[in-house]
Amino acid sequence: QMIAMRYGSVPLVRAVGGLHDTVTDSETGFVFVDQKVKSFNDTIRRALKLYPYHSRWMNLQKGGMEQDFSWANSAQKYLDLYKKLIE
């Protein structure tokens, strides 16, 4: 999903593991929680309802494209956390 977001795809994901960490519902994609067909279908419907509103859809695309998943960013977050722990 990170590569897809980088190129403007809007992900539809279940809230598990790294998917939950990288996709924010209604900001960078669509997230559903339950492992049920109804939850998945409801999320698809939400995406389809939003799709005709081009400016709102483009905001989702931009939100995903602006995410920084680089190793430098991840390393900096760990460094900040470690510094905070030793203070």
PDB file of N, CA and C in Angstrom:
ATOM      1  N   GLN A   1       0.816  -1.192   0.000  1.00  0.00           N
ATOM      2  CA  GLN A   1       0.000   0.000   0.000  1.00  0.00           C
ATOM      3  C   GLN A   1       0.861   1.257   0.000  1.00  0.00           C
ATOM      4  N   MET A   2       2.049   1.204   0.582  1.00  0.00           N
ATOM      5  CA  MET A   2       2.894   2.400   0.623  1.00  0.00           C
ATOM      6  C   MET A   2       3.338   2.811  -0.779  1.00  0.00           C
ATOM      7  N   ILE A   3       3.705   1.849  -1.594  1.00  0.00           N
ATOM      8  CA  ILE A   3       4.107   2.170  -2.968  1.00  0.00           C
ATOM      9  C   ILE A   3       2.902   2.662  -3.756  1.00  0.00           C
ATOM     10  N   ALA A   4       1.768   2.012  -3.583  1.00  0.00           N
ATOM     11  CA  ALA A   4       0.550   2.431  -4.282  1.00  0.00           C
ATOM     12  C   ALA A   4       0.174   3.860  -3.908  1.00  0.00           C
ATOM     13  N   MET A   5       0.265   4.189  -2.615  1.00  0.00           N
ATOM     14  CA  MET A   5      -0.071   5.536  -2.158  1.00  0.00           C
ATOM     15  C   MET A   5       0.876   6.562  -2.763  1.00  0.00           C
ATOM     16  N   ARG A   6       2.128   6.188  -2.896  1.00  0.00           N
ATOM     17  CA  ARG A   6       3.132   7.096  -3.454  1.00  0.00           C
ATOM     18  C   ARG A   6       2.758   7.551  -4.866  1.00  0.00           C
ATOM     19  N   TYR A   7       2.063   6.685  -5.584  1.00  0.00           N
ATOM     20  CA  TYR A   7       1.676   6.980  -6.961  1.00  0.00           C
ATOM     21  C   TYR A   7       0.225   7.426  -7.104  1.00  0.00           C
ATOM     22  N   GLY A   8      -0.438   7.709  -5.976  1.00  0.00           N
ATOM     23  CA  GLY A   8      -1.776   8.280  -6.026  1.00  0.00           C
ATOM     24  C   GLY A   8      -2.928   7.307  -5.920  1.00  0.00           C
ATOM     25  N   SER A   9      -2.642   6.039  -5.700  1.00  0.00           N
ATOM     26  CA  SER A   9      -3.734   5.086  -5.485  1.00  0.00           C
ATOM     27  C   SER A   9      -4.293   5.280  -4.084  1.00  0.00           C
ATOM     28  N   VAL A  10      -5.583   5.122  -3.955  1.00  0.00           N
ATOM     29  CA  VAL A  10      -6.238   5.263  -2.651  1.00  0.00           C
ATOM     30  C   VAL A  10      -6.502   3.856  -2.119  1.00  0.00           C
ATOM     31  N   PRO A  11      -5.811   3.460  -1.045  1.00  0.00           N
ATOM     32  CA  PRO A  11      -5.959   2.095  -0.546  1.00  0.00           C
ATOM     33  C   PRO A  11      -7.235   1.885   0.261  1.00  0.00           C
ATOM     34  N   LEU A  12      -7.715   0.672   0.207  1.00  0.00           N
ATOM     35  CA  LEU A  12      -8.823   0.209   1.024  1.00  0.00           C
ATOM     36  C   LEU A  12      -8.272  -0.984   1.788  1.00  0.00           C
ATOM     37  N   VAL A  13      -8.105  -0.845   3.113  1.00  0.00           N
ATOM     38  CA  VAL A  13      -7.388  -1.856   3.888  1.00  0.00           C
ATOM     39  C   VAL A  13      -8.136  -2.235   5.158  1.00  0.00           C
ATOM     40  N   ARG A  14      -7.810  -3.410   5.659  1.00  0.00           N
ATOM     41  CA  ARG A  14      -8.305  -3.822   6.970  1.00  0.00           C
ATOM     42  C   ARG A  14      -7.298  -3.340   8.015  1.00  0.00           C
ATOM     43  N   ALA A  15      -7.803  -2.903   9.155  1.00  0.00           N
ATOM     44  CA  ALA A  15      -6.962  -2.312  10.199  1.00  0.00           C
ATOM     45  C   ALA A  15      -6.153  -3.378  10.936  1.00  0.00           C
ATOM     46  N   VAL A  16      -5.098  -3.846  10.305  1.00  0.00           N
ATOM     47  CA  VAL A  16      -4.194  -4.814  10.927  1.00  0.00           C
ATOM     48  C   VAL A  16      -2.753  -4.409  10.636  1.00  0.00           C
ATOM     49  N   GLY A  17      -1.867  -4.692  11.568  1.00  0.00           N
ATOM     50  CA  GLY A  17      -0.433  -4.493  11.383  1.00  0.00           C
ATOM     51  C   GLY A  17      -0.030  -3.183  10.753  1.00  0.00           C
ATOM     52  N   GLY A  18       0.851  -3.278   9.784  1.00  0.00           N
ATOM     53  CA  GLY A  18       1.379  -2.098   9.113  1.00  0.00           C
ATOM     54  C   GLY A  18       0.344  -1.340   8.309  1.00  0.00           C
ATOM     55  N   LEU A  19      -0.699  -2.021   7.877  1.00  0.00           N
ATOM     56  CA  LEU A  19      -1.758  -1.326   7.136  1.00  0.00           C
ATOM     57  C   LEU A  19      -2.414  -0.284   8.029  1.00  0.00           C
ATOM     58  N   HIS A  20      -2.662  -0.671   9.269  1.00  0.00           N
ATOM     59  CA  HIS A  20      -3.283   0.241  10.231  1.00  0.00           C
ATOM     60  C   HIS A  20      -2.357   1.418  10.554  1.00  0.00           C
ATOM     61  N   ASP A  21      -1.057   1.165  10.531  1.00  0.00           N
ATOM     62  CA  ASP A  21      -0.075   2.207  10.846  1.00  0.00           C
ATOM     63  C   ASP A  21       0.136   3.200   9.711  1.00  0.00           C
ATOM     64  N   THR A  22      -0.141   2.801   8.488  1.00  0.00           N
ATOM     65  CA  THR A  22       0.203   3.654   7.351  1.00  0.00           C
ATOM     66  C   THR A  22      -0.985   4.281   6.638  1.00  0.00           C
ATOM     67  N   VAL A  23      -2.187   3.759   6.858  1.00  0.00           N
ATOM     68  CA  VAL A  23      -3.379   4.305   6.200  1.00  0.00           C
ATOM     69  C   VAL A  23      -4.302   4.888   7.258  1.00  0.00           C
ATOM     70  N   THR A  24      -4.644   6.169   7.108  1.00  0.00           N
ATOM     71  CA  THR A  24      -5.560   6.844   8.025  1.00  0.00           C
ATOM     72  C   THR A  24      -6.907   6.985   7.335  1.00  0.00           C
ATOM     73  N   ASP A  25      -7.938   6.453   7.983  1.00  0.00           N
ATOM     74  CA  ASP A  25      -9.268   6.445   7.383  1.00  0.00           C
ATOM     75  C   ASP A  25      -9.730   7.849   7.029  1.00  0.00           C
ATOM     76  N   SER A  26     -10.190   7.998   5.813  1.00  0.00           N
ATOM     77  CA  SER A  26     -10.733   9.250   5.258  1.00  0.00           C
ATOM     78  C   SER A  26      -9.695  10.354   5.091  1.00  0.00           C
ATOM     79  N   GLU A  27      -8.422  10.052   5.339  1.00  0.00           N
ATOM     80  CA  GLU A  27      -7.358  11.031   5.116  1.00  0.00           C
ATOM     81  C   GLU A  27      -6.388  10.563   4.035  1.00  0.00           C
ATOM     82  N   THR A  28      -6.024   9.284   4.111  1.00  0.00           N
ATOM     83  CA  THR A  28      -5.101   8.739   3.113  1.00  0.00           C
ATOM     84  C   THR A  28      -5.656   7.489   2.447  1.00  0.00           C
ATOM     85  N   GLY A  29      -6.837   7.069   2.850  1.00  0.00           N
ATOM     86  CA  GLY A  29      -7.456   5.876   2.290  1.00  0.00           C
ATOM     87  C   GLY A  29      -8.702   5.513   3.064  1.00  0.00           C
ATOM     88  N   PHE A  30      -9.098   4.262   2.939  1.00  0.00           N
ATOM     89  CA  PHE A  30     -10.288   3.766   3.626  1.00  0.00           C
ATOM     90  C   PHE A  30      -9.900   2.547   4.447  1.00  0.00           C
ATOM     91  N   VAL A  31     -10.340   2.530   5.704  1.00  0.00           N
ATOM     92  CA  VAL A  31      -9.972   1.460   6.626  1.00  0.00           C
ATOM     93  C   VAL A  31     -11.240   0.820   7.185  1.00  0.00           C
ATOM     94  N   PHE A  32     -11.252  -0.512   7.243  1.00  0.00           N
ATOM     95  CA  PHE A  32     -12.339  -1.207   7.936  1.00  0.00           C
ATOM     96  C   PHE A  32     -11.731  -2.101   9.002  1.00  0.00           C
ATOM     97  N   VAL A  33     -12.498  -2.336  10.084  1.00  0.00           N
ATOM     98  CA  VAL A  33     -11.965  -3.033  11.248  1.00  0.00           C
ATOM     99  C   VAL A  33     -12.367  -4.506  11.272  1.00  0.00           C
ATOM    100  N   ASP A  34     -13.649  -4.761  11.150  1.00  0.00           N
ATOM    101  CA  ASP A  34     -14.150  -6.128  11.284  1.00  0.00           C
ATOM    102  C   ASP A  34     -13.726  -7.019  10.126  1.00  0.00           C
ATOM    103  N   GLN A  35     -13.487  -8.263  10.449  1.00  0.00           N
ATOM    104  CA  GLN A  35     -13.127  -9.242   9.424  1.00  0.00           C
ATOM    105  C   GLN A  35     -14.409  -9.888   8.891  1.00  0.00           C
ATOM    106  N   LYS A  36     -15.305  -9.025   8.422  1.00  0.00           N
ATOM    107  CA  LYS A  36     -16.596  -9.490   7.922  1.00  0.00           C
ATOM    108  C   LYS A  36     -16.853  -8.884   6.554  1.00  0.00           C
ATOM    109  N   VAL A  37     -17.571  -9.617   5.733  1.00  0.00           N
ATOM    110  CA  VAL A  37     -17.881  -9.152   4.385  1.00  0.00           C
ATOM    111  C   VAL A  37     -18.640  -7.836   4.437  1.00  0.00           C
ATOM    112  N   LYS A  38     -19.554  -7.685   5.399  1.00  0.00           N
ATOM    113  CA  LYS A  38     -20.344  -6.455   5.500  1.00  0.00           C
ATOM    114  C   LYS A  38     -19.451  -5.237   5.718  1.00  0.00           C
ATOM    115  N   SER A  39     -18.468  -5.341   6.576  1.00  0.00           N
ATOM    116  CA  SER A  39     -17.541  -4.225   6.819  1.00  0.00           C
ATOM    117  C   SER A  39     -16.780  -3.863   5.552  1.00  0.00           C
ATOM    118  N   PHE A  40     -16.318  -4.875   4.855  1.00  0.00           N
ATOM    119  CA  PHE A  40     -15.601  -4.659   3.598  1.00  0.00           C
ATOM    120  C   PHE A  40     -16.511  -3.981   2.572  1.00  0.00           C
ATOM    121  N   ASN A  41     -17.725  -4.504   2.422  1.00  0.00           N
ATOM    122  CA  ASN A  41     -18.679  -3.917   1.473  1.00  0.00           C
ATOM    123  C   ASN A  41     -19.037  -2.481   1.836  1.00  0.00           C
ATOM    124  N   ASP A  42     -19.244  -2.220   3.125  1.00  0.00           N
ATOM    125  CA  ASP A  42     -19.564  -0.855   3.565  1.00  0.00           C
ATOM    126  C   ASP A  42     -18.428   0.108   3.226  1.00  0.00           C
ATOM    127  N   THR A  43     -17.209  -0.356   3.370  1.00  0.00           N
ATOM    128  CA  THR A  43     -16.053   0.491   3.078  1.00  0.00           C
ATOM    129  C   THR A  43     -15.930   0.742   1.577  1.00  0.00           C
ATOM    130  N   ILE A  44     -16.201  -0.265   0.788  1.00  0.00           N
ATOM    131  CA  ILE A  44     -16.214  -0.066  -0.669  1.00  0.00           C
ATOM    132  C   ILE A  44     -17.282   0.962  -1.041  1.00  0.00           C
ATOM    133  N   ARG A  45     -18.444   0.864  -0.423  1.00  0.00           N
ATOM    134  CA  ARG A  45     -19.519   1.824  -0.713  1.00  0.00           C
ATOM    135  C   ARG A  45     -19.104   3.246  -0.335  1.00  0.00           C
ATOM    136  N   ARG A  46     -18.422   3.391   0.805  1.00  0.00           N
ATOM    137  CA  ARG A  46     -17.941   4.728   1.209  1.00  0.00           C
ATOM    138  C   ARG A  46     -16.987   5.289   0.165  1.00  0.00           C
ATOM    139  N   ALA A  47     -16.098   4.444  -0.322  1.00  0.00           N
ATOM    140  CA  ALA A  47     -15.141   4.888  -1.343  1.00  0.00           C
ATOM    141  C   ALA A  47     -15.868   5.276  -2.631  1.00  0.00           C
ATOM    142  N   LEU A  48     -16.822   4.474  -3.040  1.00  0.00           N
ATOM    143  CA  LEU A  48     -17.559   4.761  -4.273  1.00  0.00           C
ATOM    144  C   LEU A  48     -18.400   6.029  -4.162  1.00  0.00           C
ATOM    145  N   LYS A  49     -18.908   6.310  -2.962  1.00  0.00           N
ATOM    146  CA  LYS A  49     -19.683   7.548  -2.766  1.00  0.00           C
ATOM    147  C   LYS A  49     -18.789   8.777  -2.871  1.00  0.00           C
ATOM    148  N   LEU A  50     -17.556   8.650  -2.422  1.00  0.00           N
ATOM    149  CA  LEU A  50     -16.641   9.790  -2.437  1.00  0.00           C
ATOM    150  C   LEU A  50     -16.004  10.014  -3.809  1.00  0.00           C
ATOM    151  N   TYR A  51     -15.828   8.957  -4.564  1.00  0.00           N
ATOM    152  CA  TYR A  51     -15.100   9.034  -5.836  1.00  0.00           C
ATOM    153  C   TYR A  51     -15.595  10.125  -6.791  1.00  0.00           C
ATOM    154  N   PRO A  52     -16.904  10.352  -6.941  1.00  0.00           N
ATOM    155  CA  PRO A  52     -17.360  11.405  -7.874  1.00  0.00           C
ATOM    156  C   PRO A  52     -16.985  12.827  -7.448  1.00  0.00           C
ATOM    157  N   TYR A  53     -16.649  13.016  -6.185  1.00  0.00           N
ATOM    158  CA  TYR A  53     -16.262  14.339  -5.686  1.00  0.00           C
ATOM    159  C   TYR A  53     -14.755  14.491  -5.882  1.00  0.00           C
ATOM    160  N   HIS A  54     -14.378  14.949  -7.064  1.00  0.00           N
ATOM    161  CA  HIS A  54     -12.974  14.927  -7.492  1.00  0.00           C
ATOM    162  C   HIS A  54     -12.030  15.664  -6.550  1.00  0.00           C
ATOM    163  N   SER A  55     -12.430  16.808  -6.032  1.00  0.00           N
ATOM    164  CA  SER A  55     -11.509  17.546  -5.156  1.00  0.00           C
ATOM    165  C   SER A  55     -11.280  16.788  -3.851  1.00  0.00           C
ATOM    166  N   ARG A  56     -12.308  16.170  -3.311  1.00  0.00           N
ATOM    167  CA  ARG A  56     -12.141  15.393  -2.076  1.00  0.00           C
ATOM    168  C   ARG A  56     -11.314  14.132  -2.340  1.00  0.00           C
ATOM    169  N   TRP A  57     -11.556  13.506  -3.501  1.00  0.00           N
ATOM    170  CA  TRP A  57     -10.787  12.309  -3.858  1.00  0.00           C
ATOM    171  C   TRP A  57      -9.313  12.668  -4.042  1.00  0.00           C
ATOM    172  N   MET A  58      -9.072  13.804  -4.697  1.00  0.00           N
ATOM    173  CA  MET A  58      -7.687  14.244  -4.893  1.00  0.00           C
ATOM    174  C   MET A  58      -7.009  14.543  -3.561  1.00  0.00           C
ATOM    175  N   ASN A  59      -7.763  15.037  -2.572  1.00  0.00           N
ATOM    176  CA  ASN A  59      -7.186  15.258  -1.242  1.00  0.00           C
ATOM    177  C   ASN A  59      -6.724  13.943  -0.629  1.00  0.00           C
ATOM    178  N   LEU A  60      -7.506  12.873  -0.820  1.00  0.00           N
ATOM    179  CA  LEU A  60      -7.081  11.553  -0.349  1.00  0.00           C
ATOM    180  C   LEU A  60      -5.796  11.123  -1.052  1.00  0.00           C
ATOM    181  N   GLN A  61      -5.760  11.316  -2.364  1.00  0.00           N
ATOM    182  CA  GLN A  61      -4.569  10.941  -3.125  1.00  0.00           C
ATOM    183  C   GLN A  61      -3.348  11.726  -2.649  1.00  0.00           C
ATOM    184  N   LYS A  62      -3.510  13.028  -2.509  1.00  0.00           N
ATOM    185  CA  LYS A  62      -2.391  13.869  -2.060  1.00  0.00           C
ATOM    186  C   LYS A  62      -1.941  13.480  -0.662  1.00  0.00           C
ATOM    187  N   GLY A  63      -2.919  13.198   0.216  1.00  0.00           N
ATOM    188  CA  GLY A  63      -2.573  12.776   1.575  1.00  0.00           C
ATOM    189  C   GLY A  63      -1.669  11.558   1.572  1.00  0.00           C
ATOM    190  N   GLY A  64      -1.983  10.596   0.730  1.00  0.00           N
ATOM    191  CA  GLY A  64      -1.148   9.399   0.626  1.00  0.00           C
ATOM    192  C   GLY A  64       0.195   9.679  -0.005  1.00  0.00           C
ATOM    193  N   MET A  65       0.194  10.513  -1.041  1.00  0.00           N
ATOM    194  CA  MET A  65       1.437  10.811  -1.757  1.00  0.00           C
ATOM    195  C   MET A  65       2.412  11.619  -0.904  1.00  0.00           C
ATOM    196  N   GLU A  66       1.895  12.364   0.053  1.00  0.00           N
ATOM    197  CA  GLU A  66       2.753  13.207   0.891  1.00  0.00           C
ATOM    198  C   GLU A  66       3.325  12.467   2.097  1.00  0.00           C
ATOM    199  N   GLN A  67       2.934  11.219   2.304  1.00  0.00           N
ATOM    200  CA  GLN A  67       3.459  10.449   3.425  1.00  0.00           C
ATOM    201  C   GLN A  67       4.941  10.162   3.209  1.00  0.00           C
ATOM    202  N   ASP A  68       5.692  10.207   4.293  1.00  0.00           N
ATOM    203  CA  ASP A  68       7.127   9.923   4.216  1.00  0.00           C
ATOM    204  C   ASP A  68       7.409   8.589   4.898  1.00  0.00           C
ATOM    205  N   PHE A  69       7.571   7.543   4.116  1.00  0.00           N
ATOM    206  CA  PHE A  69       7.859   6.216   4.644  1.00  0.00           C
ATOM    207  C   PHE A  69       9.327   5.847   4.464  1.00  0.00           C
ATOM    208  N   SER A  70      10.181   6.854   4.312  1.00  0.00           N
ATOM    209  CA  SER A  70      11.602   6.597   4.071  1.00  0.00           C
ATOM    210  C   SER A  70      12.279   6.036   5.318  1.00  0.00           C
ATOM    211  N   TRP A  71      13.404   5.365   5.093  1.00  0.00           N
ATOM    212  CA  TRP A  71      14.183   4.848   6.216  1.00  0.00           C
ATOM    213  C   TRP A  71      14.722   5.991   7.066  1.00  0.00           C
ATOM    214  N   ALA A  72      15.058   7.096   6.442  1.00  0.00           N
ATOM    215  CA  ALA A  72      15.570   8.246   7.198  1.00  0.00           C
ATOM    216  C   ALA A  72      14.514   8.741   8.177  1.00  0.00           C
ATOM    217  N   ASN A  73      13.282   8.815   7.739  1.00  0.00           N
ATOM    218  CA  ASN A  73      12.196   9.263   8.612  1.00  0.00           C
ATOM    219  C   ASN A  73      11.955   8.259   9.740  1.00  0.00           C
ATOM    220  N   SER A  74      11.932   6.975   9.407  1.00  0.00           N
ATOM    221  CA  SER A  74      11.738   5.936  10.426  1.00  0.00           C
ATOM    222  C   SER A  74      12.871   5.947  11.443  1.00  0.00           C
ATOM    223  N   ALA A  75      14.099   6.065  10.968  1.00  0.00           N
ATOM    224  CA  ALA A  75      15.256   6.093  11.863  1.00  0.00           C
ATOM    225  C   ALA A  75      15.193   7.300  12.792  1.00  0.00           C
ATOM    226  N   GLN A  76      14.777   8.441  12.269  1.00  0.00           N
ATOM    227  CA  GLN A  76      14.665   9.644  13.094  1.00  0.00           C
ATOM    228  C   GLN A  76      13.620   9.461  14.188  1.00  0.00           C
ATOM    229  N   LYS A  77      12.523   8.816  13.881  1.00  0.00           N
ATOM    230  CA  LYS A  77      11.480   8.562  14.888  1.00  0.00           C
ATOM    231  C   LYS A  77      12.014   7.667  15.999  1.00  0.00           C
ATOM    232  N   TYR A  78      12.777   6.622  15.629  1.00  0.00           N
ATOM    233  CA  TYR A  78      13.380   5.753  16.637  1.00  0.00           C
ATOM    234  C   TYR A  78      14.391   6.524  17.476  1.00  0.00           C
ATOM    235  N   LEU A  79      15.208   7.331  16.836  1.00  0.00           N
ATOM    236  CA  LEU A  79      16.202   8.118  17.550  1.00  0.00           C
ATOM    237  C   LEU A  79      15.529   9.063  18.545  1.00  0.00           C
ATOM    238  N   ASP A  80      14.466   9.733  18.110  1.00  0.00           N
ATOM    239  CA  ASP A  80      13.721  10.625  19.001  1.00  0.00           C
ATOM    240  C   ASP A  80      13.143   9.863  20.187  1.00  0.00           C
ATOM    241  N   LEU A  81      12.619   8.675  19.936  1.00  0.00           N
ATOM    242  CA  LEU A  81      12.057   7.859  21.009  1.00  0.00           C
ATOM    243  C   LEU A  81      13.142   7.439  21.996  1.00  0.00           C
ATOM    244  N   TYR A  82      14.281   6.970  21.502  1.00  0.00           N
ATOM    245  CA  TYR A  82      15.376   6.553  22.376  1.00  0.00           C
ATOM    246  C   TYR A  82      15.886   7.717  23.219  1.00  0.00           C
ATOM    247  N   LYS A  83      15.994   8.895  22.619  1.00  0.00           N
ATOM    248  CA  LYS A  83      16.440  10.073  23.369  1.00  0.00           C
ATOM    249  C   LYS A  83      15.457  10.408  24.478  1.00  0.00           C
ATOM    250  N   LYS A  84      14.184  10.289  24.173  1.00  0.00           N
ATOM    251  CA  LYS A  84      13.145  10.578  25.161  1.00  0.00           C
ATOM    252  C   LYS A  84      13.215   9.588  26.329  1.00  0.00           C
ATOM    253  N   LEU A  85      13.513   8.324  26.023  1.00  0.00           N
ATOM    254  CA  LEU A  85      13.581   7.290  27.051  1.00  0.00           C
ATOM    255  C   LEU A  85      14.758   7.474  28.000  1.00  0.00           C
ATOM    256  N   ILE A  86      15.867   8.022  27.525  1.00  0.00           N
ATOM    257  CA  ILE A  86      17.035   8.166  28.394  1.00  0.00           C
ATOM    258  C   ILE A  86      17.066   9.501  29.132  1.00  0.00           C
ATOM    259  N   GLU A  87      16.123  10.365  28.846  1.00  0.00           N
ATOM    260  CA  GLU A  87      16.093  11.664  29.552  1.00  0.00           C
ATOM    261  C   GLU A  87      15.642  11.494  30.985  1.00  0.00           C
TER     262      GLU A  87
END
